[in-house]
Protein backbone atom coordinates (compact mmCIF):
# COMPACT_ATOMS: atom_id res chain seq x y z
CA GLN A 1 0.00 0.00 0.00
CA VAL A 2 1.06 3.59 -0.56
CA GLN A 3 -0.33 6.90 0.58
CA LEU A 4 0.29 10.29 -1.00
CA VAL A 5 -0.45 13.33 1.14
CA GLU A 6 -0.38 16.82 -0.38
CA SER A 7 0.05 20.04 1.55
CA GLY A 8 0.76 23.69 0.93
CA GLY A 9 -2.37 24.82 -0.85
CA GLY A 10 -4.23 27.96 0.13
CA LEU A 11 -5.38 31.41 -0.89
CA VAL A 12 -2.92 33.78 -2.52
CA GLN A 13 -3.15 37.00 -4.48
CA ALA A 14 -2.25 37.13 -8.15
CA GLY A 15 1.50 37.45 -8.56
CA GLY A 16 2.16 35.58 -5.35
CA SER A 17 3.81 32.23 -4.69
CA LEU A 18 2.97 28.92 -3.09
CA ARG A 19 4.92 25.71 -2.59
CA LEU A 20 3.10 22.40 -2.69
CA SER A 21 4.47 19.23 -1.16
CA CYS A 22 3.49 15.60 -1.59
CA ALA A 23 4.84 12.98 0.78
CA ALA A 24 4.67 9.31 -0.12
CA SER A 25 4.51 6.70 2.61
CA GLY A 26 3.97 2.97 2.81
CA ARG A 27 5.68 -0.24 1.83
CA PHE A 28 7.00 0.02 -1.71
CA SER A 29 10.20 -0.70 -3.60
CA SER A 30 10.63 2.52 -5.52
CA ILE A 31 8.86 5.45 -7.13
CA ASN A 32 9.31 6.17 -10.80
CA THR A 33 7.85 9.26 -12.44
CA MET A 34 5.96 11.67 -10.20
CA GLY A 35 3.76 14.51 -11.28
CA TRP A 36 1.34 17.26 -10.43
CA TYR A 37 -2.06 17.53 -12.06
CA ARG A 38 -4.85 20.00 -11.49
CA ARG A 39 -8.57 20.28 -12.00
CA ALA A 40 -10.05 23.75 -12.27
CA PRO A 41 -13.75 24.35 -11.57
CA GLY A 42 -15.82 23.05 -14.46
CA LYS A 43 -12.80 21.68 -16.33
CA GLN A 44 -11.12 18.34 -16.80
CA ARG A 45 -7.99 17.35 -14.96
CA GLU A 46 -4.82 18.46 -16.73
CA LEU A 47 -1.14 17.76 -16.42
CA VAL A 48 0.92 20.48 -14.74
CA ALA A 49 4.40 18.97 -14.53
CA THR A 50 6.22 15.66 -14.23
CA ILE A 51 9.63 14.57 -13.00
CA THR A 52 11.37 11.23 -13.48
CA SER A 53 13.35 9.44 -10.81
CA GLY A 54 16.45 10.75 -12.54
CA GLY A 55 15.28 14.35 -12.39
CA SER A 56 14.11 14.97 -15.95
CA THR A 57 11.20 17.39 -15.98
CA ASP A 58 8.34 18.34 -18.26
CA TYR A 59 5.84 21.18 -17.94
CA ALA A 60 2.55 22.26 -19.39
CA ASP A 61 3.01 25.30 -21.61
CA SER A 62 0.73 27.32 -19.34
CA VAL A 63 3.12 27.02 -16.36
CA LYS A 64 6.54 27.02 -18.03
CA GLY A 65 8.81 29.64 -16.52
CA ARG A 66 6.55 30.08 -13.48
CA PHE A 67 6.37 26.65 -11.84
CA THR A 68 9.24 24.37 -10.82
CA ILE A 69 8.82 20.70 -10.00
CA SER A 70 11.37 18.90 -7.85
CA ARG A 71 11.67 15.82 -5.69
CA ASP A 72 13.68 14.51 -2.78
CA ASN A 73 14.10 10.80 -3.43
CA ALA A 74 15.53 10.17 0.04
CA LYS A 75 12.36 11.58 1.58
CA ASN A 76 9.97 10.27 -1.09
CA THR A 77 8.63 13.79 -1.38
CA LEU A 78 7.54 15.78 -4.41
CA TYR A 79 7.40 19.57 -4.58
CA LEU A 80 5.88 22.21 -6.81
CA GLN A 81 7.12 25.76 -6.46
CA MET A 82 4.54 28.06 -8.01
CA ASN A 83 5.51 31.68 -8.70
CA SER A 84 3.75 34.52 -10.49
CA LEU A 85 0.43 32.86 -9.82
CA LYS A 86 -2.56 33.84 -11.93
CA PRO A 87 -6.29 33.51 -11.22
CA GLU A 88 -6.44 30.83 -13.91
CA ASP A 89 -4.13 28.68 -11.79
CA THR A 90 -6.98 28.25 -9.33
CA ALA A 91 -7.64 24.52 -9.06
CA VAL A 92 -7.36 21.44 -6.92
CA TYR A 93 -3.82 20.14 -7.35
CA TYR A 94 -3.21 16.41 -7.24
CA CYS A 95 0.01 14.50 -6.73
CA ASN A 96 0.63 11.38 -8.81
CA ALA A 97 3.30 8.72 -8.49
CA GLY A 98 4.23 5.56 -10.33
CA VAL A 99 4.93 3.22 -7.43
CA ARG A 100 6.63 -0.15 -7.73
CA PHE A 101 6.26 -2.94 -5.19
CA ALA A 102 8.06 -6.25 -4.79
CA VAL A 103 5.30 -7.64 -6.96
CA GLY A 104 3.39 -5.28 -9.21
CA ALA A 105 3.02 -1.54 -9.58
CA LEU A 106 0.43 1.14 -8.88
CA ASP A 107 -0.46 4.53 -10.27
CA ALA A 108 -1.12 6.35 -6.99
CA TRP A 109 -2.97 9.63 -6.40
CA GLY A 110 -3.20 12.01 -3.50
CA GLN A 111 -6.43 13.50 -2.20
CA GLY A 112 -5.71 16.94 -3.63
CA THR A 113 -4.98 20.37 -2.23
CA LEU A 114 -6.89 23.50 -3.20
CA VAL A 115 -5.07 26.50 -4.60
CA THR A 116 -7.08 29.70 -4.97
CA VAL A 117 -5.57 32.74 -6.66
CA SER A 118 -7.46 35.98 -6.24
CA SER A 119 -7.26 38.83 -8.71
């Protein structure tokens, strides 16, 4: 089993910054690619950024240059530094991780953390 717990969401004014964290816990062998997704009100979930176990990153065009994804493999923790936030960044942000066990694998999701950006 694995549990992903996000934190760091909240209310911020446009132009401000927030840092999201996602801590993975449980009995697993390793974590491959991790990522952040978001679902804005009335919209489908979309990819924000991903990072491989080796540190290679990828970003949605809408957040390039403003958001930075990182991870601490020793702590099994994923981060998302969000700068220059815009009202359109308002969404529930979800952590995702490709988790490997001794037998099998799982695409795990956190419960989400709400980010609200006021204009």
